[in-house]
PDB file of N, CA and C in Angstrom:
ATOM      1  N   UNK A   1    -123.425  16.627  37.232  1.00  0.00           N
ATOM      2  CA  UNK A   1    -122.781  17.375  36.177  1.00  0.00           C
ATOM      3  C   UNK A   1    -123.558  17.237  34.881  1.00  0.00           C
ATOM      4  N   UNK A   2    -124.055  16.046  34.630  1.00  0.00           N
ATOM      5  CA  UNK A   2    -124.830  15.833  33.402  1.00  0.00           C
ATOM      6  C   UNK A   2    -126.077  16.707  33.390  1.00  0.00           C
ATOM      7  N   UNK A   3    -126.695  16.847  34.543  1.00  0.00           N
ATOM      8  CA  UNK A   3    -127.906  17.666  34.652  1.00  0.00           C
ATOM      9  C   UNK A   3    -127.591  19.140  34.365  1.00  0.00           C
ATOM     10  N   UNK A   4    -126.449  19.597  34.835  1.00  0.00           N
ATOM     11  CA  UNK A   4    -126.048  20.984  34.575  1.00  0.00           C
ATOM     12  C   UNK A   4    -125.851  21.195  33.085  1.00  0.00           C
ATOM     13  N   UNK A   5    -125.185  20.274  32.425  1.00  0.00           N
ATOM     14  CA  UNK A   5    -124.932  20.409  30.990  1.00  0.00           C
ATOM     15  C   UNK A   5    -126.220  20.334  30.190  1.00  0.00           C
ATOM     16  N   UNK A   6    -127.149  19.519  30.619  1.00  0.00           N
ATOM     17  CA  UNK A   6    -128.424  19.392  29.904  1.00  0.00           C
ATOM     18  C   UNK A   6    -129.294  20.655  30.017  1.00  0.00           C
ATOM     19  N   UNK A   7    -129.144  21.382  31.112  1.00  0.00           N
ATOM     20  CA  UNK A   7    -129.949  22.579  31.301  1.00  0.00           C
ATOM     21  C   UNK A   7    -129.246  23.851  30.832  1.00  0.00           C
ATOM     22  N   UNK A   8    -128.060  23.712  30.296  1.00  0.00           N
ATOM     23  CA  UNK A   8    -127.316  24.853  29.811  1.00  0.00           C
ATOM     24  C   UNK A   8    -127.871  25.286  28.452  1.00  0.00           C
ATOM     25  N   UNK A   9    -128.015  26.566  28.287  1.00  0.00           N
ATOM     26  CA  UNK A   9    -128.567  27.114  27.017  1.00  0.00           C
ATOM     27  C   UNK A   9    -127.614  26.862  25.861  1.00  0.00           C
ATOM     28  N   UNK A  10    -128.176  26.716  24.667  1.00  0.00           N
ATOM     29  CA  UNK A  10    -127.389  26.423  23.471  1.00  0.00           C
ATOM     30  C   UNK A  10    -126.401  27.525  23.131  1.00  0.00           C
ATOM     31  N   UNK A  11    -126.790  28.797  23.351  1.00  0.00           N
ATOM     32  CA  UNK A  11    -125.927  29.905  22.987  1.00  0.00           C
ATOM     33  C   UNK A  11    -124.721  29.986  23.914  1.00  0.00           C
ATOM     34  N   UNK A  12    -124.882  29.504  25.171  1.00  0.00           N
ATOM     35  CA  UNK A  12    -123.766  29.493  26.111  1.00  0.00           C
ATOM     36  C   UNK A  12    -122.740  28.452  25.703  1.00  0.00           C
ATOM     37  N   UNK A  13    -123.213  27.279  25.288  1.00  0.00           N
ATOM     38  CA  UNK A  13    -122.312  26.238  24.815  1.00  0.00           C
ATOM     39  C   UNK A  13    -121.612  26.672  23.528  1.00  0.00           C
ATOM     40  N   UNK A  14    -122.349  27.319  22.637  1.00  0.00           N
ATOM     41  CA  UNK A  14    -121.759  27.825  21.407  1.00  0.00           C
ATOM     42  C   UNK A  14    -120.693  28.863  21.708  1.00  0.00           C
ATOM     43  N   UNK A  15    -120.959  29.766  22.618  1.00  0.00           N
ATOM     44  CA  UNK A  15    -119.971  30.767  23.018  1.00  0.00           C
ATOM     45  C   UNK A  15    -118.726  30.110  23.614  1.00  0.00           C
ATOM     46  N   UNK A  16    -118.941  29.091  24.425  1.00  0.00           N
ATOM     47  CA  UNK A  16    -117.806  28.366  25.036  1.00  0.00           C
ATOM     48  C   UNK A  16    -116.938  27.721  23.968  1.00  0.00           C
ATOM     49  N   UNK A  17    -117.557  27.100  22.991  1.00  0.00           N
ATOM     50  CA  UNK A  17    -116.806  26.449  21.912  1.00  0.00           C
ATOM     51  C   UNK A  17    -116.076  27.478  21.056  1.00  0.00           C
ATOM     52  N   UNK A  18    -116.751  28.565  20.685  1.00  0.00           N
ATOM     53  CA  UNK A  18    -116.163  29.587  19.822  1.00  0.00           C
ATOM     54  C   UNK A  18    -114.985  30.261  20.514  1.00  0.00           C
ATOM     55  N   UNK A  19    -115.169  30.692  21.762  1.00  0.00           N
ATOM     56  CA  UNK A  19    -114.091  31.363  22.491  1.00  0.00           C
ATOM     57  C   UNK A  19    -112.930  30.405  22.744  1.00  0.00           C
ATOM     58  N   UNK A  20    -113.223  29.160  23.068  1.00  0.00           N
ATOM     59  CA  UNK A  20    -112.164  28.171  23.348  1.00  0.00           C
ATOM     60  C   UNK A  20    -111.330  27.923  22.089  1.00  0.00           C
ATOM     61  N   UNK A  21    -111.992  27.774  20.972  1.00  0.00           N
ATOM     62  CA  UNK A  21    -111.239  27.563  19.733  1.00  0.00           C
ATOM     63  C   UNK A  21    -110.461  28.811  19.333  1.00  0.00           C
ATOM     64  N   UNK A  22    -111.043  29.969  19.549  1.00  0.00           N
ATOM     65  CA  UNK A  22    -110.334  31.218  19.227  1.00  0.00           C
ATOM     66  C   UNK A  22    -109.052  31.339  20.059  1.00  0.00           C
ATOM     67  N   UNK A  23    -109.176  31.151  21.380  1.00  0.00           N
ATOM     68  CA  UNK A  23    -107.973  31.295  22.246  1.00  0.00           C
ATOM     69  C   UNK A  23    -106.969  30.190  21.947  1.00  0.00           C
ATOM     70  N   UNK A  24    -107.428  29.000  21.591  1.00  0.00           N
ATOM     71  CA  UNK A  24    -106.512  27.879  21.289  1.00  0.00           C
ATOM     72  C   UNK A  24    -105.751  28.182  19.985  1.00  0.00           C
ATOM     73  N   UNK A  25    -106.451  28.646  18.972  1.00  0.00           N
ATOM     74  CA  UNK A  25    -105.782  28.962  17.703  1.00  0.00           C
ATOM     75  C   UNK A  25    -104.837  30.149  17.878  1.00  0.00           C
ATOM     76  N   UNK A  26    -105.283  31.111  18.671  1.00  0.00           N
ATOM     77  CA  UNK A  26    -104.431  32.266  18.943  1.00  0.00           C
ATOM     78  C   UNK A  26    -103.141  31.850  19.664  1.00  0.00           C
ATOM     79  N   UNK A  27    -103.246  30.901  20.586  1.00  0.00           N
ATOM     80  CA  UNK A  27    -102.064  30.427  21.314  1.00  0.00           C
ATOM     81  C   UNK A  27    -101.091  29.725  20.391  1.00  0.00           C
ATOM     82  N   UNK A  28    -101.612  28.975  19.406  1.00  0.00           N
ATOM     83  CA  UNK A  28    -100.736  28.302  18.448  1.00  0.00           C
ATOM     84  C   UNK A  28    -100.020  29.333  17.570  1.00  0.00           C
ATOM     85  N   UNK A  29    -100.738  30.359  17.167  1.00  0.00           N
ATOM     86  CA  UNK A  29    -100.139  31.405  16.334  1.00  0.00           C
ATOM     87  C   UNK A  29     -99.044  32.135  17.125  1.00  0.00           C
ATOM     88  N   UNK A  30     -99.337  32.452  18.385  1.00  0.00           N
ATOM     89  CA  UNK A  30     -98.322  33.122  19.217  1.00  0.00           C
ATOM     90  C   UNK A  30     -97.111  32.234  19.428  1.00  0.00           C
ATOM     91  N   UNK A  31     -97.328  30.933  19.625  1.00  0.00           N
ATOM     92  CA  UNK A  31     -96.210  30.010  19.828  1.00  0.00           C
ATOM     93  C   UNK A  31     -95.388  29.885  18.549  1.00  0.00           C
ATOM     94  N   UNK A  32     -96.051  29.928  17.403  1.00  0.00           N
ATOM     95  CA  UNK A  32     -95.286  29.805  16.144  1.00  0.00           C
ATOM     96  C   UNK A  32     -94.467  31.051  15.872  1.00  0.00           C
ATOM     97  N   UNK A  33     -94.904  32.208  16.312  1.00  0.00           N
ATOM     98  CA  UNK A  33     -94.104  33.406  16.098  1.00  0.00           C
ATOM     99  C   UNK A  33     -92.951  33.516  17.096  1.00  0.00           C
ATOM    100  N   UNK A  34     -93.133  32.953  18.268  1.00  0.00           N
ATOM    101  CA  UNK A  34     -92.062  33.001  19.277  1.00  0.00           C
ATOM    102  C   UNK A  34     -90.939  32.013  18.960  1.00  0.00           C
ATOM    103  N   UNK A  35     -91.284  30.881  18.359  1.00  0.00           N
ATOM    104  CA  UNK A  35     -90.278  29.837  18.105  1.00  0.00           C
ATOM    105  C   UNK A  35     -89.804  29.902  16.656  1.00  0.00           C
ATOM    106  N   UNK A  36     -89.159  31.007  16.318  1.00  0.00           N
ATOM    107  CA  UNK A  36     -88.699  31.225  14.950  1.00  0.00           C
ATOM    108  C   UNK A  36     -87.582  30.288  14.530  1.00  0.00           C
ATOM    109  N   UNK A  37     -86.460  30.327  15.235  1.00  0.00           N
ATOM    110  CA  UNK A  37     -85.290  29.522  14.885  1.00  0.00           C
ATOM    111  C   UNK A  37     -84.973  28.538  16.021  1.00  0.00           C
ATOM    112  N   UNK A  38     -85.846  27.624  16.252  1.00  0.00           N
ATOM    113  CA  UNK A  38     -85.602  26.615  17.303  1.00  0.00           C
ATOM    114  C   UNK A  38     -84.869  25.418  16.711  1.00  0.00           C
ATOM    115  N   UNK A  39     -84.470  24.552  17.600  1.00  0.00           N
ATOM    116  CA  UNK A  39     -83.762  23.335  17.187  1.00  0.00           C
ATOM    117  C   UNK A  39     -84.741  22.235  16.786  1.00  0.00           C
ATOM    118  N   UNK A  40     -86.063  22.497  16.911  1.00  0.00           N
ATOM    119  CA  UNK A  40     -87.073  21.500  16.570  1.00  0.00           C
ATOM    120  C   UNK A  40     -87.366  21.523  15.066  1.00  0.00           C
ATOM    121  N   UNK A  41     -87.711  20.345  14.548  1.00  0.00           N
ATOM    122  CA  UNK A  41     -88.229  20.295  13.189  1.00  0.00           C
ATOM    123  C   UNK A  41     -89.702  20.708  13.212  1.00  0.00           C
ATOM    124  N   UNK A  42     -90.313  20.839  12.028  1.00  0.00           N
ATOM    125  CA  UNK A  42     -91.713  21.251  11.959  1.00  0.00           C
ATOM    126  C   UNK A  42     -92.629  20.238  12.650  1.00  0.00           C
ATOM    127  N   UNK A  43     -92.394  18.953  12.454  1.00  0.00           N
ATOM    128  CA  UNK A  43     -93.209  17.922  13.080  1.00  0.00           C
ATOM    129  C   UNK A  43     -93.028  17.931  14.596  1.00  0.00           C
ATOM    130  N   UNK A  44     -91.817  18.157  15.072  1.00  0.00           N
ATOM    131  CA  UNK A  44     -91.578  18.223  16.504  1.00  0.00           C
ATOM    132  C   UNK A  44     -92.265  19.429  17.114  1.00  0.00           C
ATOM    133  N   UNK A  45     -92.245  20.560  16.404  1.00  0.00           N
ATOM    134  CA  UNK A  45     -92.946  21.740  16.917  1.00  0.00           C
ATOM    135  C   UNK A  45     -94.433  21.495  17.055  1.00  0.00           C
ATOM    136  N   UNK A  46     -95.000  20.794  16.076  1.00  0.00           N
ATOM    137  CA  UNK A  46     -96.443  20.497  16.132  1.00  0.00           C
ATOM    138  C   UNK A  46     -96.766  19.654  17.347  1.00  0.00           C
ATOM    139  N   UNK A  47     -95.984  18.580  17.568  1.00  0.00           N
ATOM    140  CA  UNK A  47     -96.296  17.676  18.667  1.00  0.00           C
ATOM    141  C   UNK A  47     -95.883  18.233  20.024  1.00  0.00           C
ATOM    142  N   UNK A  48     -94.787  18.940  20.075  1.00  0.00           N
ATOM    143  CA  UNK A  48     -94.270  19.401  21.371  1.00  0.00           C
ATOM    144  C   UNK A  48     -94.874  20.733  21.789  1.00  0.00           C
ATOM    145  N   UNK A  49     -94.897  21.696  20.898  1.00  0.00           N
ATOM    146  CA  UNK A  49     -95.280  23.062  21.280  1.00  0.00           C
ATOM    147  C   UNK A  49     -96.748  23.353  20.945  1.00  0.00           C
ATOM    148  N   UNK A  50     -97.128  23.184  19.711  1.00  0.00           N
ATOM    149  CA  UNK A  50     -98.438  23.621  19.245  1.00  0.00           C
ATOM    150  C   UNK A  50     -99.588  22.824  19.863  1.00  0.00           C
ATOM    151  N   UNK A  51     -99.430  21.505  19.947  1.00  0.00           N
ATOM    152  CA  UNK A  51    -100.505  20.695  20.524  1.00  0.00           C
ATOM    153  C   UNK A  51    -100.697  21.032  21.986  1.00  0.00           C
ATOM    154  N   UNK A  52     -99.617  21.211  22.686  1.00  0.00           N
ATOM    155  CA  UNK A  52     -99.700  21.555  24.114  1.00  0.00           C
ATOM    156  C   UNK A  52    -100.387  22.890  24.321  1.00  0.00           C
ATOM    157  N   UNK A  53     -99.993  23.877  23.544  1.00  0.00           N
ATOM    158  CA  UNK A  53    -100.623  25.201  23.652  1.00  0.00           C
ATOM    159  C   UNK A  53    -102.103  25.157  23.312  1.00  0.00           C
ATOM    160  N   UNK A  54    -102.441  24.432  22.229  1.00  0.00           N
ATOM    161  CA  UNK A  54    -103.821  24.324  21.803  1.00  0.00           C
ATOM    162  C   UNK A  54    -104.688  23.694  22.891  1.00  0.00           C
ATOM    163  N   UNK A  55    -104.248  22.554  23.414  1.00  0.00           N
ATOM    164  CA  UNK A  55    -105.045  21.861  24.441  1.00  0.00           C
ATOM    165  C   UNK A  55    -105.086  22.675  25.739  1.00  0.00           C
ATOM    166  N   UNK A  56    -104.005  23.286  26.114  1.00  0.00           N
ATOM    167  CA  UNK A  56    -103.956  24.067  27.346  1.00  0.00           C
ATOM    168  C   UNK A  56    -104.996  25.195  27.305  1.00  0.00           C
ATOM    169  N   UNK A  57    -105.003  25.981  26.245  1.00  0.00           N
ATOM    170  CA  UNK A  57    -105.974  27.082  26.123  1.00  0.00           C
ATOM    171  C   UNK A  57    -107.385  26.564  25.981  1.00  0.00           C
ATOM    172  N   UNK A  58    -107.583  25.511  25.194  1.00  0.00           N
ATOM    173  CA  UNK A  58    -108.912  24.954  24.980  1.00  0.00           C
ATOM    174  C   UNK A  58    -109.530  24.477  26.288  1.00  0.00           C
ATOM    175  N   UNK A  59    -108.798  23.692  27.033  1.00  0.00           N
ATOM    176  CA  UNK A  59    -109.319  23.120  28.285  1.00  0.00           C
ATOM    177  C   UNK A  59    -109.560  24.208  29.337  1.00  0.00           C
ATOM    178  N   UNK A  60    -108.638  25.138  29.467  1.00  0.00           N
ATOM    179  CA  UNK A  60    -108.804  26.175  30.490  1.00  0.00           C
ATOM    180  C   UNK A  60    -109.940  27.141  30.157  1.00  0.00           C
ATOM    181  N   UNK A  61    -110.152  27.428  28.882  1.00  0.00           N
ATOM    182  CA  UNK A  61    -111.253  28.318  28.523  1.00  0.00           C
ATOM    183  C   UNK A  61    -112.590  27.632  28.751  1.00  0.00           C
ATOM    184  N   UNK A  62    -112.675  26.373  28.367  1.00  0.00           N
ATOM    185  CA  UNK A  62    -113.926  25.620  28.607  1.00  0.00           C
ATOM    186  C   UNK A  62    -114.177  25.507  30.132  1.00  0.00           C
ATOM    187  N   UNK A  63    -113.117  25.287  30.895  1.00  0.00           N
ATOM    188  CA  UNK A  63    -113.299  25.207  32.349  1.00  0.00           C
ATOM    189  C   UNK A  63    -113.769  26.531  32.930  1.00  0.00           C
ATOM    190  N   UNK A  64    -113.363  27.641  32.325  1.00  0.00           N
ATOM    191  CA  UNK A  64    -113.854  28.943  32.782  1.00  0.00           C
ATOM    192  C   UNK A  64    -115.349  29.085  32.538  1.00  0.00           C
ATOM    193  N   UNK A  65    -115.825  28.672  31.347  1.00  0.00           N
ATOM    194  CA  UNK A  65    -117.258  28.716  31.063  1.00  0.00           C
ATOM    195  C   UNK A  65    -118.008  27.791  32.004  1.00  0.00           C
ATOM    196  N   UNK A  66    -117.451  26.605  32.245  1.00  0.00           N
ATOM    197  CA  UNK A  66    -118.117  25.675  33.160  1.00  0.00           C
ATOM    198  C   UNK A  66    -118.163  26.206  34.580  1.00  0.00           C
ATOM    199  N   UNK A  67    -117.100  26.883  35.009  1.00  0.00           N
ATOM    200  CA  UNK A  67    -117.066  27.454  36.376  1.00  0.00           C
ATOM    201  C   UNK A  67    -118.137  28.530  36.537  1.00  0.00           C
ATOM    202  N   UNK A  68    -118.292  29.389  35.510  1.00  0.00           N
ATOM    203  CA  UNK A  68    -119.343  30.411  35.587  1.00  0.00           C
ATOM    204  C   UNK A  68    -120.739  29.784  35.604  1.00  0.00           C
ATOM    205  N   UNK A  69    -120.920  28.734  34.818  1.00  0.00           N
ATOM    206  CA  UNK A  69    -122.220  28.057  34.806  1.00  0.00           C
ATOM    207  C   UNK A  69    -122.492  27.392  36.145  1.00  0.00           C
ATOM    208  N   UNK A  70    -121.488  26.785  36.727  1.00  0.00           N
ATOM    209  CA  UNK A  70    -121.654  26.153  38.035  1.00  0.00           C
ATOM    210  C   UNK A  70    -121.920  27.196  39.117  1.00  0.00           C
ATOM    211  N   UNK A  71    -121.228  28.321  39.073  1.00  0.00           N
ATOM    212  CA  UNK A  71    -121.478  29.399  40.038  1.00  0.00           C
ATOM    213  C   UNK A  71    -122.896  29.912  39.913  1.00  0.00           C
ATOM    214  N   UNK A  72    -123.374  30.077  38.684  1.00  0.00           N
ATOM    215  CA  UNK A  72    -124.757  30.525  38.466  1.00  0.00           C
ATOM    216  C   UNK A  72    -125.766  29.529  39.010  1.00  0.00           C
ATOM    217  N   UNK A  73    -125.516  28.228  38.793  1.00  0.00           N
ATOM    218  CA  UNK A  73    -126.461  27.211  39.302  1.00  0.00           C
ATOM    219  C   UNK A  73    -126.454  27.155  40.811  1.00  0.00           C
ATOM    220  N   UNK A  74    -125.279  27.302  41.432  1.00  0.00           N
ATOM    221  CA  UNK A  74    -125.219  27.276  42.901  1.00  0.00           C
ATOM    222  C   UNK A  74    -125.921  28.511  43.454  1.00  0.00           C
ATOM    223  N   UNK A  75    -125.672  29.685  42.841  1.00  0.00           N
ATOM    224  CA  UNK A  75    -126.264  30.920  43.340  1.00  0.00           C
ATOM    225  C   UNK A  75    -127.783  30.903  43.212  1.00  0.00           C
ATOM    226  N   UNK A  76    -128.303  30.409  42.101  1.00  0.00           N
ATOM    227  CA  UNK A  76    -129.751  30.377  41.920  1.00  0.00           C
ATOM    228  C   UNK A  76    -130.444  29.308  42.750  1.00  0.00           C
ATOM    229  N   UNK A  77    -129.680  28.330  43.217  1.00  0.00           N
ATOM    230  CA  UNK A  77    -130.288  27.293  44.049  1.00  0.00           C
ATOM    231  C   UNK A  77    -130.368  27.681  45.529  1.00  0.00           C
ATOM    232  N   UNK A  78    -129.746  28.772  45.898  1.00  0.00           N
ATOM    233  CA  UNK A  78    -129.776  29.214  47.286  1.00  0.00           C
ATOM    234  C   UNK A  78    -131.182  29.692  47.661  1.00  0.00           C
ATOM    235  N   UNK A  79    -131.632  29.274  48.822  1.00  0.00           N
ATOM    236  CA  UNK A  79    -132.963  29.683  49.284  1.00  0.00           C
ATOM    237  C   UNK A  79    -132.982  31.151  49.760  1.00  0.00           C
ATOM    238  N   UNK A  80    -131.962  31.508  50.524  1.00  0.00           N
ATOM    239  CA  UNK A  80    -131.876  32.844  51.069  1.00  0.00           C
ATOM    240  C   UNK A  80    -130.419  33.265  51.146  1.00  0.00           C
ATOM    241  N   UNK A  81    -130.161  34.535  50.846  1.00  0.00           N
ATOM    242  CA  UNK A  81    -128.792  35.018  50.930  1.00  0.00           C
ATOM    243  C   UNK A  81    -128.338  35.211  52.368  1.00  0.00           C
ATOM    244  N   UNK A  82    -129.269  35.203  53.304  1.00  0.00           N
ATOM    245  CA  UNK A  82    -128.922  35.367  54.715  1.00  0.00           C
ATOM    246  C   UNK A  82    -128.352  34.081  55.326  1.00  0.00           C
ATOM    247  N   UNK A  83    -128.636  32.954  54.688  1.00  0.00           N
ATOM    248  CA  UNK A  83    -128.224  31.664  55.278  1.00  0.00           C
ATOM    249  C   UNK A  83    -127.055  31.032  54.528  1.00  0.00           C
ATOM    250  N   UNK A  84    -126.246  31.833  53.854  1.00  0.00           N
ATOM    251  CA  UNK A  84    -125.102  31.288  53.118  1.00  0.00           C
ATOM    252  C   UNK A  84    -123.960  31.030  54.094  1.00  0.00           C
ATOM    253  N   UNK A  85    -123.348  29.847  53.993  1.00  0.00           N
ATOM    254  CA  UNK A  85    -122.197  29.564  54.836  1.00  0.00           C
ATOM    255  C   UNK A  85    -120.940  30.167  54.205  1.00  0.00           C
ATOM    256  N   UNK A  86    -119.884  30.251  54.994  1.00  0.00           N
ATOM    257  CA  UNK A  86    -118.639  30.817  54.530  1.00  0.00           C
ATOM    258  C   UNK A  86    -118.024  29.976  53.398  1.00  0.00           C
ATOM    259  N   UNK A  87    -118.209  28.667  53.485  1.00  0.00           N
ATOM    260  CA  UNK A  87    -117.676  27.785  52.464  1.00  0.00           C
ATOM    261  C   UNK A  87    -118.326  27.997  51.101  1.00  0.00           C
ATOM    262  N   UNK A  88    -119.635  28.234  51.095  1.00  0.00           N
ATOM    263  CA  UNK A  88    -120.340  28.500  49.846  1.00  0.00           C
ATOM    264  C   UNK A  88    -119.884  29.828  49.240  1.00  0.00           C
ATOM    265  N   UNK A  89    -119.690  30.817  50.082  1.00  0.00           N
ATOM    266  CA  UNK A  89    -119.235  32.133  49.608  1.00  0.00           C
ATOM    267  C   UNK A  89    -117.835  32.011  48.993  1.00  0.00           C
ATOM    268  N   UNK A  90    -116.944  31.288  49.655  1.00  0.00           N
ATOM    269  CA  UNK A  90    -115.592  31.116  49.136  1.00  0.00           C
ATOM    270  C   UNK A  90    -115.627  30.337  47.815  1.00  0.00           C
ATOM    271  N   UNK A  91    -116.470  29.324  47.737  1.00  0.00           N
ATOM    272  CA  UNK A  91    -116.609  28.569  46.491  1.00  0.00           C
ATOM    273  C   UNK A  91    -117.150  29.428  45.352  1.00  0.00           C
ATOM    274  N   UNK A  92    -118.144  30.265  45.642  1.00  0.00           N
ATOM    275  CA  UNK A  92    -118.699  31.141  44.626  1.00  0.00           C
ATOM    276  C   UNK A  92    -117.676  32.166  44.145  1.00  0.00           C
ATOM    277  N   UNK A  93    -116.922  32.730  45.067  1.00  0.00           N
ATOM    278  CA  UNK A  93    -115.886  33.698  44.677  1.00  0.00           C
ATOM    279  C   UNK A  93    -114.797  32.999  43.834  1.00  0.00           C
ATOM    280  N   UNK A  94    -114.379  31.823  44.260  1.00  0.00           N
ATOM    281  CA  UNK A  94    -113.380  31.082  43.506  1.00  0.00           C
ATOM    282  C   UNK A  94    -113.878  30.756  42.091  1.00  0.00           C
ATOM    283  N   UNK A  95    -115.113  30.258  41.985  1.00  0.00           N
ATOM    284  CA  UNK A  95    -115.655  29.907  40.683  1.00  0.00           C
ATOM    285  C   UNK A  95    -115.804  31.132  39.794  1.00  0.00           C
ATOM    286  N   UNK A  96    -116.189  32.269  40.393  1.00  0.00           N
ATOM    287  CA  UNK A  96    -116.330  33.503  39.636  1.00  0.00           C
ATOM    288  C   UNK A  96    -114.974  33.962  39.083  1.00  0.00           C
ATOM    289  N   UNK A  97    -113.950  33.974  39.932  1.00  0.00           N
ATOM    290  CA  UNK A  97    -112.608  34.418  39.488  1.00  0.00           C
ATOM    291  C   UNK A  97    -112.065  33.450  38.437  1.00  0.00           C
ATOM    292  N   UNK A  98    -112.226  32.137  38.692  1.00  0.00           N
ATOM    293  CA  UNK A  98    -111.790  31.130  37.720  1.00  0.00           C
ATOM    294  C   UNK A  98    -112.517  31.319  36.398  1.00  0.00           C
ATOM    295  N   UNK A  99    -113.825  31.552  36.456  1.00  0.00           N
ATOM    296  CA  UNK A  99    -114.619  31.684  35.240  1.00  0.00           C
ATOM    297  C   UNK A  99    -114.254  32.940  34.443  1.00  0.00           C
ATOM    298  N   UNK A 100    -114.161  34.068  35.118  1.00  0.00           N
ATOM    299  CA  UNK A 100    -113.859  35.320  34.427  1.00  0.00           C
ATOM    300  C   UNK A 100    -112.467  35.280  33.801  1.00  0.00           C
ATOM    301  N   UNK A 101    -111.492  34.787  34.545  1.00  0.00           N
ATOM    302  CA  UNK A 101    -110.139  34.703  33.977  1.00  0.00           C
ATOM    303  C   UNK A 101    -110.072  33.641  32.870  1.00  0.00           C
ATOM    304  N   UNK A 102    -110.856  32.589  32.979  1.00  0.00           N
ATOM    305  CA  UNK A 102    -110.873  31.570  31.922  1.00  0.00           C
ATOM    306  C   UNK A 102    -111.532  32.065  30.667  1.00  0.00           C
ATOM    307  N   UNK A 103    -112.650  32.730  30.797  1.00  0.00           N
ATOM    308  CA  UNK A 103    -113.384  33.231  29.625  1.00  0.00           C
ATOM    309  C   UNK A 103    -112.597  34.346  28.950  1.00  0.00           C
ATOM    310  N   UNK A 104    -111.859  35.132  29.704  1.00  0.00           N
ATOM    311  CA  UNK A 104    -111.101  36.230  29.096  1.00  0.00           C
ATOM    312  C   UNK A 104    -109.758  35.783  28.528  1.00  0.00           C
ATOM    313  N   UNK A 105    -109.381  34.522  28.750  1.00  0.00           N
ATOM    314  CA  UNK A 105    -108.152  33.994  28.190  1.00  0.00           C
ATOM    315  C   UNK A 105    -106.920  34.155  29.047  1.00  0.00           C
ATOM    316  N   UNK A 106    -107.068  34.678  30.263  1.00  0.00           N
ATOM    317  CA  UNK A 106    -105.910  34.923  31.127  1.00  0.00           C
ATOM    318  C   UNK A 106    -105.702  33.827  32.169  1.00  0.00           C
ATOM    319  N   UNK A 107    -106.539  32.827  32.195  1.00  0.00           N
ATOM    320  CA  UNK A 107    -106.412  31.766  33.197  1.00  0.00           C
ATOM    321  C   UNK A 107    -105.134  30.974  33.024  1.00  0.00           C
ATOM    322  N   UNK A 108    -104.742  30.718  31.787  1.00  0.00           N
ATOM    323  CA  UNK A 108    -103.496  29.974  31.559  1.00  0.00           C
ATOM    324  C   UNK A 108    -102.299  30.766  32.059  1.00  0.00           C
ATOM    325  N   UNK A 109    -102.290  32.059  31.848  1.00  0.00           N
ATOM    326  CA  UNK A 109    -101.213  32.892  32.364  1.00  0.00           C
ATOM    327  C   UNK A 109    -101.212  32.902  33.889  1.00  0.00           C
ATOM    328  N   UNK A 110    -102.382  32.977  34.486  1.00  0.00           N
ATOM    329  CA  UNK A 110    -102.509  32.996  35.942  1.00  0.00           C
ATOM    330  C   UNK A 110    -102.013  31.681  36.531  1.00  0.00           C
ATOM    331  N   UNK A 111    -102.371  30.561  35.919  1.00  0.00           N
ATOM    332  CA  UNK A 111    -101.949  29.272  36.448  1.00  0.00           C
ATOM    333  C   UNK A 111    -100.432  29.046  36.282  1.00  0.00           C
ATOM    334  N   UNK A 112     -99.907  29.431  35.123  1.00  0.00           N
ATOM    335  CA  UNK A 112     -98.484  29.202  34.867  1.00  0.00           C
ATOM    336  C   UNK A 112     -97.602  30.126  35.711  1.00  0.00           C
ATOM    337  N   UNK A 113     -97.955  31.409  35.771  1.00  0.00           N
ATOM    338  CA  UNK A 113     -97.076  32.371  36.465  1.00  0.00           C
ATOM    339  C   UNK A 113     -97.460  32.570  37.945  1.00  0.00           C
ATOM    340  N   UNK A 114     -98.689  32.281  38.291  1.00  0.00           N
ATOM    341  CA  UNK A 114     -99.091  32.468  39.667  1.00  0.00           C
ATOM    342  C   UNK A 114     -99.491  33.868  40.031  1.00  0.00           C
ATOM    343  N   UNK A 115     -99.701  34.724  39.040  1.00  0.00           N
ATOM    344  CA  UNK A 115    -100.094  36.100  39.311  1.00  0.00           C
ATOM    345  C   UNK A 115    -100.926  36.599  38.145  1.00  0.00           C
ATOM    346  N   UNK A 116    -101.660  37.665  38.406  1.00  0.00           N
ATOM    347  CA  UNK A 116    -102.486  38.295  37.367  1.00  0.00           C
ATOM    348  C   UNK A 116    -101.579  39.058  36.392  1.00  0.00           C
ATOM    349  N   UNK A 117    -101.983  39.205  35.142  1.00  0.00           N
ATOM    350  CA  UNK A 117    -101.159  39.969  34.195  1.00  0.00           C
ATOM    351  C   UNK A 117    -100.969  41.413  34.671  1.00  0.00           C
ATOM    352  N   UNK A 118     -99.788  41.939  34.483  1.00  0.00           N
ATOM    353  CA  UNK A 118     -99.498  43.310  34.880  1.00  0.00           C
ATOM    354  C   UNK A 118     -98.904  43.441  36.260  1.00  0.00           C
ATOM    355  N   UNK A 119     -98.971  42.391  37.086  1.00  0.00           N
ATOM    356  CA  UNK A 119     -98.385  42.452  38.425  1.00  0.00           C
ATOM    357  C   UNK A 119     -96.915  42.088  38.354  1.00  0.00           C
ATOM    358  N   UNK A 120     -96.136  42.694  39.291  1.00  0.00           N
ATOM    359  CA  UNK A 120     -94.696  42.381  39.324  1.00  0.00           C
ATOM    360  C   UNK A 120     -94.387  41.435  40.427  1.00  0.00           C
TER     361      UNK A 120
END
């Protein structure tokens, strides 16, 4: 894992940090608008609601960027596309879906609800 992080380009890490902070701050703002007249005090809202939302979005967005980076490293390390096992294909598809939904900010919704946005 350390080797993967050391070979990652600086702009990719910067994008991961910027998008993660954006989605985390956005989640806190959405949580603050939803919890207008709660029974919590301001300090309780910060510790109970806002911190959880911030960390949840931050970690899942960073994991999405890491999943895409890992999928790219696995794909480029393959010698031939004809010799890919089914397990590697499933792993690449999983990492790609995890990465795209994480980078787009929908991974937290997918994990919490168990479905893609817009599905009934």
